[in-house]
């Protein structure tokens, strides 16, 4: 079953351009690290670095916003090779920004309930 699915994907879906992949890989690593740190903080009820985590969430959200606006501008100008791929990437940026916002709210709520 895997082979037909893989073949269908290879034949019908274009990969992200290298520039998008590199751009997202860097910021997604930051998001992954942030999620792990917040998870540990909540599991251990240790909020000593709460302010740093909170502002890291805020800064990361702002970076996703910047990338999202840049991607919207690329789409408007027609600077994209494939509109569908560009829209998928835009959606990925939007969802990542939303995840970052949710993490910030989760951290704040968890701290309030523990304290």
PDB file of N, CA and C in Angstrom:
ATOM      1  N   UNK A   1       0.813  -1.194   0.000  1.00  0.00           N
ATOM      2  CA  UNK A   1       0.000   0.000   0.000  1.00  0.00           C
ATOM      3  C   UNK A   1       0.861   1.265   0.000  1.00  0.00           C
ATOM      4  N   UNK A   2       2.024   1.178   0.600  1.00  0.00           N
ATOM      5  CA  UNK A   2       2.901   2.344   0.689  1.00  0.00           C
ATOM      6  C   UNK A   2       3.393   2.770  -0.690  1.00  0.00           C
ATOM      7  N   UNK A   3       3.753   1.811  -1.515  1.00  0.00           N
ATOM      8  CA  UNK A   3       4.299   2.132  -2.834  1.00  0.00           C
ATOM      9  C   UNK A   3       3.311   2.907  -3.718  1.00  0.00           C
ATOM     10  N   UNK A   4       2.035   2.490  -3.826  1.00  0.00           N
ATOM     11  CA  UNK A   4       1.101   3.290  -4.631  1.00  0.00           C
ATOM     12  C   UNK A   4       0.909   4.705  -4.079  1.00  0.00           C
ATOM     13  N   UNK A   5       0.881   4.816  -2.755  1.00  0.00           N
ATOM     14  CA  UNK A   5       0.742   6.155  -2.151  1.00  0.00           C
ATOM     15  C   UNK A   5       1.956   7.017  -2.466  1.00  0.00           C
ATOM     16  N   UNK A   6       3.142   6.426  -2.338  1.00  0.00           N
ATOM     17  CA  UNK A   6       4.366   7.160  -2.633  1.00  0.00           C
ATOM     18  C   UNK A   6       4.409   7.580  -4.108  1.00  0.00           C
ATOM     19  N   UNK A   7       4.008   6.677  -4.986  1.00  0.00           N
ATOM     20  CA  UNK A   7       4.009   6.994  -6.410  1.00  0.00           C
ATOM     21  C   UNK A   7       3.016   8.108  -6.720  1.00  0.00           C
ATOM     22  N   UNK A   8       1.829   8.038  -6.107  1.00  0.00           N
ATOM     23  CA  UNK A   8       0.821   9.080  -6.317  1.00  0.00           C
ATOM     24  C   UNK A   8       1.356  10.436  -5.856  1.00  0.00           C
ATOM     25  N   UNK A   9       1.986  10.456  -4.693  1.00  0.00           N
ATOM     26  CA  UNK A   9       2.545  11.699  -4.157  1.00  0.00           C
ATOM     27  C   UNK A   9       3.636  12.237  -5.071  1.00  0.00           C
ATOM     28  N   UNK A  10       4.531  11.363  -5.508  1.00  0.00           N
ATOM     29  CA  UNK A  10       5.611  11.794  -6.398  1.00  0.00           C
ATOM     30  C   UNK A  10       5.087  12.347  -7.718  1.00  0.00           C
ATOM     31  N   UNK A  11       4.003  11.775  -8.211  1.00  0.00           N
ATOM     32  CA  UNK A  11       3.461  12.184  -9.505  1.00  0.00           C
ATOM     33  C   UNK A  11       2.564  13.421  -9.432  1.00  0.00           C
ATOM     34  N   UNK A  12       1.996  13.689  -8.269  1.00  0.00           N
ATOM     35  CA  UNK A  12       0.963  14.724  -8.195  1.00  0.00           C
ATOM     36  C   UNK A  12       1.277  15.902  -7.284  1.00  0.00           C
ATOM     37  N   UNK A  13       2.328  15.841  -6.522  1.00  0.00           N
ATOM     38  CA  UNK A  13       2.628  16.917  -5.598  1.00  0.00           C
ATOM     39  C   UNK A  13       4.045  17.426  -5.799  1.00  0.00           C
ATOM     40  N   UNK A  14       4.156  18.714  -5.846  1.00  0.00           N
ATOM     41  CA  UNK A  14       5.473  19.333  -5.993  1.00  0.00           C
ATOM     42  C   UNK A  14       6.058  19.604  -4.613  1.00  0.00           C
ATOM     43  N   UNK A  15       7.347  19.373  -4.453  1.00  0.00           N
ATOM     44  CA  UNK A  15       7.970  19.654  -3.156  1.00  0.00           C
ATOM     45  C   UNK A  15       8.127  21.166  -2.949  1.00  0.00           C
ATOM     46  N   UNK A  16       8.341  21.529  -1.694  1.00  0.00           N
ATOM     47  CA  UNK A  16       8.648  22.932  -1.395  1.00  0.00           C
ATOM     48  C   UNK A  16       9.959  23.300  -2.067  1.00  0.00           C
ATOM     49  N   UNK A  17      10.040  24.500  -2.607  1.00  0.00           N
ATOM     50  CA  UNK A  17      11.339  24.950  -3.135  1.00  0.00           C
ATOM     51  C   UNK A  17      12.390  24.949  -2.022  1.00  0.00           C
ATOM     52  N   UNK A  18      13.609  24.776  -2.407  1.00  0.00           N
ATOM     53  CA  UNK A  18      14.725  24.701  -1.457  1.00  0.00           C
ATOM     54  C   UNK A  18      14.767  25.913  -0.523  1.00  0.00           C
ATOM     55  N   UNK A  19      14.485  27.094  -1.056  1.00  0.00           N
ATOM     56  CA  UNK A  19      14.537  28.301  -0.212  1.00  0.00           C
ATOM     57  C   UNK A  19      13.485  28.252   0.891  1.00  0.00           C
ATOM     58  N   UNK A  20      12.283  27.773   0.573  1.00  0.00           N
ATOM     59  CA  UNK A  20      11.226  27.648   1.589  1.00  0.00           C
ATOM     60  C   UNK A  20      11.618  26.602   2.629  1.00  0.00           C
ATOM     61  N   UNK A  21      12.146  25.483   2.143  1.00  0.00           N
ATOM     62  CA  UNK A  21      12.512  24.392   3.046  1.00  0.00           C
ATOM     63  C   UNK A  21      13.587  24.830   4.040  1.00  0.00           C
ATOM     64  N   UNK A  22      14.616  25.518   3.550  1.00  0.00           N
ATOM     65  CA  UNK A  22      15.682  25.988   4.439  1.00  0.00           C
ATOM     66  C   UNK A  22      15.152  27.011   5.434  1.00  0.00           C
ATOM     67  N   UNK A  23      14.341  27.938   4.938  1.00  0.00           N
ATOM     68  CA  UNK A  23      13.759  28.972   5.787  1.00  0.00           C
ATOM     69  C   UNK A  23      12.918  28.342   6.897  1.00  0.00           C
ATOM     70  N   UNK A  24      12.094  27.373   6.535  1.00  0.00           N
ATOM     71  CA  UNK A  24      11.215  26.765   7.520  1.00  0.00           C
ATOM     72  C   UNK A  24      11.969  25.830   8.452  1.00  0.00           C
ATOM     73  N   UNK A  25      12.979  25.158   7.955  1.00  0.00           N
ATOM     74  CA  UNK A  25      13.737  24.236   8.793  1.00  0.00           C
ATOM     75  C   UNK A  25      14.368  24.972   9.978  1.00  0.00           C
ATOM     76  N   UNK A  26      14.917  26.124   9.721  1.00  0.00           N
ATOM     77  CA  UNK A  26      15.554  26.901  10.782  1.00  0.00           C
ATOM     78  C   UNK A  26      14.557  27.289  11.856  1.00  0.00           C
ATOM     79  N   UNK A  27      13.433  27.836  11.450  1.00  0.00           N
ATOM     80  CA  UNK A  27      12.464  28.314  12.427  1.00  0.00           C
ATOM     81  C   UNK A  27      11.709  27.150  13.085  1.00  0.00           C
ATOM     82  N   UNK A  28      11.535  26.049  12.366  1.00  0.00           N
ATOM     83  CA  UNK A  28      10.842  24.906  12.959  1.00  0.00           C
ATOM     84  C   UNK A  28      11.692  24.256  14.042  1.00  0.00           C
ATOM     85  N   UNK A  29      13.011  24.305  13.892  1.00  0.00           N
ATOM     86  CA  UNK A  29      13.891  23.792  14.945  1.00  0.00           C
ATOM     87  C   UNK A  29      13.750  24.632  16.216  1.00  0.00           C
ATOM     88  N   UNK A  30      13.615  25.945  16.050  1.00  0.00           N
ATOM     89  CA  UNK A  30      13.389  26.813  17.205  1.00  0.00           C
ATOM     90  C   UNK A  30      12.057  26.488  17.865  1.00  0.00           C
ATOM     91  N   UNK A  31      11.030  26.252  17.051  1.00  0.00           N
ATOM     92  CA  UNK A  31       9.714  25.916  17.580  1.00  0.00           C
ATOM     93  C   UNK A  31       9.751  24.581  18.311  1.00  0.00           C
ATOM     94  N   UNK A  32      10.443  23.611  17.771  1.00  0.00           N
ATOM     95  CA  UNK A  32      10.552  22.304  18.413  1.00  0.00           C
ATOM     96  C   UNK A  32      11.245  22.418  19.775  1.00  0.00           C
ATOM     97  N   UNK A  33      12.331  23.166  19.812  1.00  0.00           N
ATOM     98  CA  UNK A  33      13.048  23.372  21.075  1.00  0.00           C
ATOM     99  C   UNK A  33      12.157  24.072  22.084  1.00  0.00           C
ATOM    100  N   UNK A  34      11.428  25.076  21.635  1.00  0.00           N
ATOM    101  CA  UNK A  34      10.526  25.809  22.515  1.00  0.00           C
ATOM    102  C   UNK A  34       9.441  24.890  23.068  1.00  0.00           C
ATOM    103  N   UNK A  35       8.863  24.049  22.215  1.00  0.00           N
ATOM    104  CA  UNK A  35       7.824  23.115  22.683  1.00  0.00           C
ATOM    105  C   UNK A  35       8.382  22.176  23.752  1.00  0.00           C
ATOM    106  N   UNK A  36       9.591  21.680  23.528  1.00  0.00           N
ATOM    107  CA  UNK A  36      10.205  20.782  24.511  1.00  0.00           C
ATOM    108  C   UNK A  36      10.447  21.489  25.845  1.00  0.00           C
ATOM    109  N   UNK A  37      10.909  22.723  25.788  1.00  0.00           N
ATOM    110  CA  UNK A  37      11.170  23.477  27.019  1.00  0.00           C
ATOM    111  C   UNK A  37       9.878  23.773  27.771  1.00  0.00           C
ATOM    112  N   UNK A  38       8.825  24.122  27.048  1.00  0.00           N
ATOM    113  CA  UNK A  38       7.538  24.399  27.691  1.00  0.00           C
ATOM    114  C   UNK A  38       6.966  23.113  28.281  1.00  0.00           C
ATOM    115  N   UNK A  39       7.080  22.021  27.563  1.00  0.00           N
ATOM    116  CA  UNK A  39       6.605  20.728  28.060  1.00  0.00           C
ATOM    117  C   UNK A  39       7.295  20.380  29.369  1.00  0.00           C
ATOM    118  N   UNK A  40       8.602  20.521  29.410  1.00  0.00           N
ATOM    119  CA  UNK A  40       9.367  20.227  30.619  1.00  0.00           C
ATOM    120  C   UNK A  40       8.956  21.153  31.754  1.00  0.00           C
ATOM    121  N   UNK A  41       8.792  22.417  31.451  1.00  0.00           N
ATOM    122  CA  UNK A  41       8.395  23.394  32.465  1.00  0.00           C
ATOM    123  C   UNK A  41       7.039  23.040  33.074  1.00  0.00           C
ATOM    124  N   UNK A  42       6.091  22.656  32.243  1.00  0.00           N
ATOM    125  CA  UNK A  42       4.757  22.316  32.727  1.00  0.00           C
ATOM    126  C   UNK A  42       4.780  20.995  33.497  1.00  0.00           C
ATOM    127  N   UNK A  43       5.478  19.995  32.966  1.00  0.00           N
ATOM    128  CA  UNK A  43       5.537  18.689  33.638  1.00  0.00           C
ATOM    129  C   UNK A  43       6.185  18.771  35.013  1.00  0.00           C
ATOM    130  N   UNK A  44       7.192  19.612  35.141  1.00  0.00           N
ATOM    131  CA  UNK A  44       7.905  19.717  36.421  1.00  0.00           C
ATOM    132  C   UNK A  44       7.379  20.844  37.298  1.00  0.00           C
ATOM    133  N   UNK A  45       6.419  21.597  36.789  1.00  0.00           N
ATOM    134  CA  UNK A  45       5.889  22.781  37.494  1.00  0.00           C
ATOM    135  C   UNK A  45       7.009  23.739  37.881  1.00  0.00           C
ATOM    136  N   UNK A  46       8.008  23.831  37.023  1.00  0.00           N
ATOM    137  CA  UNK A  46       9.139  24.724  37.250  1.00  0.00           C
ATOM    138  C   UNK A  46       9.018  25.890  36.271  1.00  0.00           C
ATOM    139  N   UNK A  47       8.659  27.035  36.805  1.00  0.00           N
ATOM    140  CA  UNK A  47       8.422  28.209  35.959  1.00  0.00           C
ATOM    141  C   UNK A  47       9.474  29.291  36.182  1.00  0.00           C
ATOM    142  N   UNK A  48      10.684  28.880  36.570  1.00  0.00           N
ATOM    143  CA  UNK A  48      11.730  29.868  36.813  1.00  0.00           C
ATOM    144  C   UNK A  48      12.116  30.622  35.548  1.00  0.00           C
ATOM    145  N   UNK A  49      12.005  29.973  34.403  1.00  0.00           N
ATOM    146  CA  UNK A  49      12.327  30.660  33.147  1.00  0.00           C
ATOM    147  C   UNK A  49      11.068  31.043  32.369  1.00  0.00           C
ATOM    148  N   UNK A  50       9.981  31.237  33.104  1.00  0.00           N
ATOM    149  CA  UNK A  50       8.688  31.576  32.502  1.00  0.00           C
ATOM    150  C   UNK A  50       8.780  32.792  31.590  1.00  0.00           C
ATOM    151  N   UNK A  51       9.356  33.873  32.082  1.00  0.00           N
ATOM    152  CA  UNK A  51       9.412  35.107  31.292  1.00  0.00           C
ATOM    153  C   UNK A  51      10.219  34.922  30.005  1.00  0.00           C
ATOM    154  N   UNK A  52      11.306  34.185  30.090  1.00  0.00           N
ATOM    155  CA  UNK A  52      12.103  33.928  28.899  1.00  0.00           C
ATOM    156  C   UNK A  52      11.309  33.101  27.895  1.00  0.00           C
ATOM    157  N   UNK A  53      10.631  32.057  28.351  1.00  0.00           N
ATOM    158  CA  UNK A  53       9.825  31.221  27.461  1.00  0.00           C
ATOM    159  C   UNK A  53       8.674  32.017  26.852  1.00  0.00           C
ATOM    160  N   UNK A  54       8.039  32.821  27.663  1.00  0.00           N
ATOM    161  CA  UNK A  54       6.902  33.623  27.201  1.00  0.00           C
ATOM    162  C   UNK A  54       7.338  34.584  26.088  1.00  0.00           C
ATOM    163  N   UNK A  55       8.436  35.272  26.301  1.00  0.00           N
ATOM    164  CA  UNK A  55       8.906  36.227  25.286  1.00  0.00           C
ATOM    165  C   UNK A  55       9.505  35.521  24.068  1.00  0.00           C
ATOM    166  N   UNK A  56      10.057  34.333  24.267  1.00  0.00           N
ATOM    167  CA  UNK A  56      10.524  33.551  23.124  1.00  0.00           C
ATOM    168  C   UNK A  56       9.333  33.174  22.247  1.00  0.00           C
ATOM    169  N   UNK A  57       8.218  32.785  22.887  1.00  0.00           N
ATOM    170  CA  UNK A  57       6.991  32.485  22.134  1.00  0.00           C
ATOM    171  C   UNK A  57       6.536  33.710  21.350  1.00  0.00           C
ATOM    172  N   UNK A  58       6.538  34.833  22.011  1.00  0.00           N
ATOM    173  CA  UNK A  58       6.091  36.058  21.363  1.00  0.00           C
ATOM    174  C   UNK A  58       6.995  36.413  20.177  1.00  0.00           C
ATOM    175  N   UNK A  59       8.295  36.324  20.373  1.00  0.00           N
ATOM    176  CA  UNK A  59       9.242  36.639  19.294  1.00  0.00           C
ATOM    177  C   UNK A  59       9.134  35.655  18.136  1.00  0.00           C
ATOM    178  N   UNK A  60       8.951  34.382  18.455  1.00  0.00           N
ATOM    179  CA  UNK A  60       8.817  33.379  17.404  1.00  0.00           C
ATOM    180  C   UNK A  60       7.523  33.602  16.614  1.00  0.00           C
ATOM    181  N   UNK A  61       6.474  33.963  17.313  1.00  0.00           N
ATOM    182  CA  UNK A  61       5.202  34.272  16.648  1.00  0.00           C
ATOM    183  C   UNK A  61       5.373  35.464  15.705  1.00  0.00           C
ATOM    184  N   UNK A  62       6.100  36.464  16.135  1.00  0.00           N
ATOM    185  CA  UNK A  62       6.358  37.628  15.291  1.00  0.00           C
ATOM    186  C   UNK A  62       7.187  37.248  14.066  1.00  0.00           C
ATOM    187  N   UNK A  63       8.113  36.304  14.237  1.00  0.00           N
ATOM    188  CA  UNK A  63       8.923  35.849  13.096  1.00  0.00           C
ATOM    189  C   UNK A  63       8.058  35.079  12.102  1.00  0.00           C
ATOM    190  N   UNK A  64       7.172  34.232  12.606  1.00  0.00           N
ATOM    191  CA  UNK A  64       6.243  33.540  11.707  1.00  0.00           C
ATOM    192  C   UNK A  64       5.362  34.555  10.978  1.00  0.00           C
ATOM    193  N   UNK A  65       4.951  35.587  11.662  1.00  0.00           N
ATOM    194  CA  UNK A  65       4.135  36.629  11.045  1.00  0.00           C
ATOM    195  C   UNK A  65       4.906  37.328   9.930  1.00  0.00           C
ATOM    196  N   UNK A  66       6.172  37.626  10.184  1.00  0.00           N
ATOM    197  CA  UNK A  66       7.010  38.273   9.174  1.00  0.00           C
ATOM    198  C   UNK A  66       7.145  37.383   7.942  1.00  0.00           C
ATOM    199  N   UNK A  67       7.412  36.103   8.171  1.00  0.00           N
ATOM    200  CA  UNK A  67       7.541  35.165   7.053  1.00  0.00           C
ATOM    201  C   UNK A  67       6.222  35.019   6.294  1.00  0.00           C
ATOM    202  N   UNK A  68       5.119  35.018   7.028  1.00  0.00           N
ATOM    203  CA  UNK A  68       3.802  34.901   6.416  1.00  0.00           C
ATOM    204  C   UNK A  68       3.508  36.100   5.523  1.00  0.00           C
ATOM    205  N   UNK A  69       3.790  37.289   6.023  1.00  0.00           N
ATOM    206  CA  UNK A  69       3.571  38.501   5.223  1.00  0.00           C
ATOM    207  C   UNK A  69       4.470  38.511   3.980  1.00  0.00           C
ATOM    208  N   UNK A  70       5.699  38.047   4.136  1.00  0.00           N
ATOM    209  CA  UNK A  70       6.609  37.977   2.987  1.00  0.00           C
ATOM    210  C   UNK A  70       6.078  36.986   1.954  1.00  0.00           C
ATOM    211  N   UNK A  71       5.542  35.871   2.422  1.00  0.00           N
ATOM    212  CA  UNK A  71       4.999  34.877   1.497  1.00  0.00           C
ATOM    213  C   UNK A  71       3.766  35.416   0.774  1.00  0.00           C
ATOM    214  N   UNK A  72       2.909  36.125   1.488  1.00  0.00           N
ATOM    215  CA  UNK A  72       1.735  36.749   0.858  1.00  0.00           C
ATOM    216  C   UNK A  72       2.186  37.721  -0.223  1.00  0.00           C
ATOM    217  N   UNK A  73       3.225  38.466   0.061  1.00  0.00           N
ATOM    218  CA  UNK A  73       3.746  39.424  -0.920  1.00  0.00           C
ATOM    219  C   UNK A  73       4.304  38.707  -2.151  1.00  0.00           C
ATOM    220  N   UNK A  74       5.006  37.586  -1.944  1.00  0.00           N
ATOM    221  CA  UNK A  74       5.506  36.798  -3.083  1.00  0.00           C
ATOM    222  C   UNK A  74       4.343  36.318  -3.954  1.00  0.00           C
ATOM    223  N   UNK A  75       3.287  35.874  -3.309  1.00  0.00           N
ATOM    224  CA  UNK A  75       2.126  35.375  -4.059  1.00  0.00           C
ATOM    225  C   UNK A  75       1.475  36.514  -4.834  1.00  0.00           C
ATOM    226  N   UNK A  76       1.332  37.673  -4.192  1.00  0.00           N
ATOM    227  CA  UNK A  76       0.724  38.832  -4.863  1.00  0.00           C
ATOM    228  C   UNK A  76       1.511  39.262  -6.097  1.00  0.00           C
ATOM    229  N   UNK A  77       2.821  39.248  -5.966  1.00  0.00           N
ATOM    230  CA  UNK A  77       3.682  39.689  -7.069  1.00  0.00           C
ATOM    231  C   UNK A  77       3.835  38.622  -8.146  1.00  0.00           C
ATOM    232  N   UNK A  78       3.414  37.416  -7.851  1.00  0.00           N
ATOM    233  CA  UNK A  78       3.588  36.340  -8.814  1.00  0.00           C
ATOM    234  C   UNK A  78       4.998  35.791  -8.844  1.00  0.00           C
ATOM    235  N   UNK A  79       5.724  35.946  -7.733  1.00  0.00           N
ATOM    236  CA  UNK A  79       7.112  35.487  -7.656  1.00  0.00           C
ATOM    237  C   UNK A  79       7.233  34.005  -7.319  1.00  0.00           C
ATOM    238  N   UNK A  80       6.176  33.266  -7.474  1.00  0.00           N
ATOM    239  CA  UNK A  80       6.197  31.865  -7.081  1.00  0.00           C
ATOM    240  C   UNK A  80       6.188  30.972  -8.315  1.00  0.00           C
ATOM    241  N   UNK A  81       6.887  29.852  -8.193  1.00  0.00           N
ATOM    242  CA  UNK A  81       6.925  28.887  -9.297  1.00  0.00           C
ATOM    243  C   UNK A  81       5.597  28.139  -9.400  1.00  0.00           C
ATOM    244  N   UNK A  82       5.031  27.820  -8.249  1.00  0.00           N
ATOM    245  CA  UNK A  82       3.813  27.023  -8.210  1.00  0.00           C
ATOM    246  C   UNK A  82       2.897  27.612  -7.135  1.00  0.00           C
ATOM    247  N   UNK A  83       1.758  28.119  -7.530  1.00  0.00           N
ATOM    248  CA  UNK A  83       0.847  28.776  -6.601  1.00  0.00           C
ATOM    249  C   UNK A  83       0.361  27.816  -5.519  1.00  0.00           C
ATOM    250  N   UNK A  84       0.045  26.585  -5.878  1.00  0.00           N
ATOM    251  CA  UNK A  84      -0.443  25.628  -4.885  1.00  0.00           C
ATOM    252  C   UNK A  84       0.598  25.357  -3.807  1.00  0.00           C
ATOM    253  N   UNK A  85       1.838  25.193  -4.199  1.00  0.00           N
ATOM    254  CA  UNK A  85       2.910  24.969  -3.233  1.00  0.00           C
ATOM    255  C   UNK A  85       3.075  26.194  -2.341  1.00  0.00           C
ATOM    256  N   UNK A  86       2.984  27.373  -2.920  1.00  0.00           N
ATOM    257  CA  UNK A  86       3.103  28.609  -2.147  1.00  0.00           C
ATOM    258  C   UNK A  86       1.967  28.741  -1.138  1.00  0.00           C
ATOM    259  N   UNK A  87       0.773  28.338  -1.525  1.00  0.00           N
ATOM    260  CA  UNK A  87      -0.364  28.397  -0.609  1.00  0.00           C
ATOM    261  C   UNK A  87      -0.241  27.366   0.520  1.00  0.00           C
ATOM    262  N   UNK A  88       0.281  26.207   0.201  1.00  0.00           N
ATOM    263  CA  UNK A  88       0.524  25.200   1.242  1.00  0.00           C
ATOM    264  C   UNK A  88       1.552  25.731   2.241  1.00  0.00           C
ATOM    265  N   UNK A  89       2.610  26.352   1.726  1.00  0.00           N
ATOM    266  CA  UNK A  89       3.635  26.913   2.608  1.00  0.00           C
ATOM    267  C   UNK A  89       3.051  28.047   3.455  1.00  0.00           C
ATOM    268  N   UNK A  90       2.225  28.875   2.858  1.00  0.00           N
ATOM    269  CA  UNK A  90       1.576  29.949   3.605  1.00  0.00           C
ATOM    270  C   UNK A  90       0.736  29.367   4.734  1.00  0.00           C
ATOM    271  N   UNK A  91      -0.004  28.320   4.441  1.00  0.00           N
ATOM    272  CA  UNK A  91      -0.821  27.677   5.468  1.00  0.00           C
ATOM    273  C   UNK A  91       0.052  27.092   6.570  1.00  0.00           C
ATOM    274  N   UNK A  92       1.175  26.504   6.210  1.00  0.00           N
ATOM    275  CA  UNK A  92       2.112  25.961   7.192  1.00  0.00           C
ATOM    276  C   UNK A  92       2.619  27.064   8.121  1.00  0.00           C
ATOM    277  N   UNK A  93       2.930  28.207   7.566  1.00  0.00           N
ATOM    278  CA  UNK A  93       3.380  29.336   8.380  1.00  0.00           C
ATOM    279  C   UNK A  93       2.274  29.831   9.310  1.00  0.00           C
ATOM    280  N   UNK A  94       1.053  29.918   8.789  1.00  0.00           N
ATOM    281  CA  UNK A  94      -0.074  30.372   9.610  1.00  0.00           C
ATOM    282  C   UNK A  94      -0.341  29.413  10.764  1.00  0.00           C
ATOM    283  N   UNK A  95      -0.353  28.128  10.480  1.00  0.00           N
ATOM    284  CA  UNK A  95      -0.610  27.139  11.526  1.00  0.00           C
ATOM    285  C   UNK A  95       0.525  27.114  12.556  1.00  0.00           C
ATOM    286  N   UNK A  96       1.735  27.297  12.117  1.00  0.00           N
ATOM    287  CA  UNK A  96       2.871  27.340  13.048  1.00  0.00           C
ATOM    288  C   UNK A  96       2.780  28.561  13.950  1.00  0.00           C
ATOM    289  N   UNK A  97       2.363  29.680  13.384  1.00  0.00           N
ATOM    290  CA  UNK A  97       2.187  30.888  14.190  1.00  0.00           C
ATOM    291  C   UNK A  97       1.077  30.669  15.221  1.00  0.00           C
ATOM    292  N   UNK A  98       0.009  30.033  14.817  1.00  0.00           N
ATOM    293  CA  UNK A  98      -1.086  29.743  15.738  1.00  0.00           C
ATOM    294  C   UNK A  98      -0.632  28.797  16.844  1.00  0.00           C
ATOM    295  N   UNK A  99       0.158  27.794  16.497  1.00  0.00           N
ATOM    296  CA  UNK A  99       0.697  26.871  17.497  1.00  0.00           C
ATOM    297  C   UNK A  99       1.549  27.620  18.517  1.00  0.00           C
ATOM    298  N   UNK A 100       2.341  28.533  18.053  1.00  0.00           N
ATOM    299  CA  UNK A 100       3.188  29.327  18.948  1.00  0.00           C
ATOM    300  C   UNK A 100       2.343  30.151  19.908  1.00  0.00           C
ATOM    301  N   UNK A 101       1.272  30.719  19.399  1.00  0.00           N
ATOM    302  CA  UNK A 101       0.360  31.490  20.243  1.00  0.00           C
ATOM    303  C   UNK A 101      -0.315  30.592  21.279  1.00  0.00           C
ATOM    304  N   UNK A 102      -0.728  29.425  20.873  1.00  0.00           N
ATOM    305  CA  UNK A 102      -1.364  28.473  21.793  1.00  0.00           C
ATOM    306  C   UNK A 102      -0.375  28.051  22.880  1.00  0.00           C
ATOM    307  N   UNK A 103       0.861  27.823  22.511  1.00  0.00           N
ATOM    308  CA  UNK A 103       1.882  27.465  23.501  1.00  0.00           C
ATOM    309  C   UNK A 103       2.042  28.565  24.544  1.00  0.00           C
ATOM    310  N   UNK A 104       2.046  29.799  24.091  1.00  0.00           N
ATOM    311  CA  UNK A 104       2.190  30.929  25.006  1.00  0.00           C
ATOM    312  C   UNK A 104       1.019  30.964  25.992  1.00  0.00           C
ATOM    313  N   UNK A 105      -0.195  30.772  25.490  1.00  0.00           N
ATOM    314  CA  UNK A 105      -1.376  30.777  26.354  1.00  0.00           C
ATOM    315  C   UNK A 105      -1.381  29.579  27.298  1.00  0.00           C
ATOM    316  N   UNK A 106      -0.961  28.427  26.815  1.00  0.00           N
ATOM    317  CA  UNK A 106      -0.877  27.230  27.652  1.00  0.00           C
ATOM    318  C   UNK A 106       0.118  27.428  28.782  1.00  0.00           C
ATOM    319  N   UNK A 107       1.256  27.994  28.475  1.00  0.00           N
ATOM    320  CA  UNK A 107       2.278  28.254  29.482  1.00  0.00           C
ATOM    321  C   UNK A 107       1.746  29.200  30.552  1.00  0.00           C
ATOM    322  N   UNK A 108       1.105  30.270  30.110  1.00  0.00           N
ATOM    323  CA  UNK A 108       0.560  31.247  31.056  1.00  0.00           C
ATOM    324  C   UNK A 108      -0.528  30.622  31.932  1.00  0.00           C
ATOM    325  N   UNK A 109      -1.438  29.875  31.328  1.00  0.00           N
ATOM    326  CA  UNK A 109      -2.535  29.263  32.093  1.00  0.00           C
ATOM    327  C   UNK A 109      -1.998  28.222  33.068  1.00  0.00           C
ATOM    328  N   UNK A 110      -1.056  27.426  32.630  1.00  0.00           N
ATOM    329  CA  UNK A 110      -0.488  26.402  33.485  1.00  0.00           C
ATOM    330  C   UNK A 110       0.202  27.030  34.690  1.00  0.00           C
ATOM    331  N   UNK A 111       0.901  28.086  34.451  1.00  0.00           N
ATOM    332  CA  UNK A 111       1.596  28.779  35.558  1.00  0.00           C
ATOM    333  C   UNK A 111       0.586  29.342  36.556  1.00  0.00           C
ATOM    334  N   UNK A 112      -0.505  29.899  36.078  1.00  0.00           N
ATOM    335  CA  UNK A 112      -1.528  30.466  36.967  1.00  0.00           C
ATOM    336  C   UNK A 112      -2.169  29.387  37.817  1.00  0.00           C
ATOM    337  N   UNK A 113      -2.427  28.217  37.249  1.00  0.00           N
ATOM    338  CA  UNK A 113      -3.079  27.154  37.991  1.00  0.00           C
ATOM    339  C   UNK A 113      -2.124  26.484  38.980  1.00  0.00           C
ATOM    340  N   UNK A 114      -0.834  26.513  38.705  1.00  0.00           N
ATOM    341  CA  UNK A 114       0.145  25.912  39.614  1.00  0.00           C
ATOM    342  C   UNK A 114       0.503  26.842  40.765  1.00  0.00           C
ATOM    343  N   UNK A 115       0.417  28.127  40.494  1.00  0.00           N
ATOM    344  CA  UNK A 115       0.856  29.112  41.487  1.00  0.00           C
ATOM    345  C   UNK A 115      -0.235  29.538  42.319  1.00  0.00           C
TER     346      UNK A 115
END
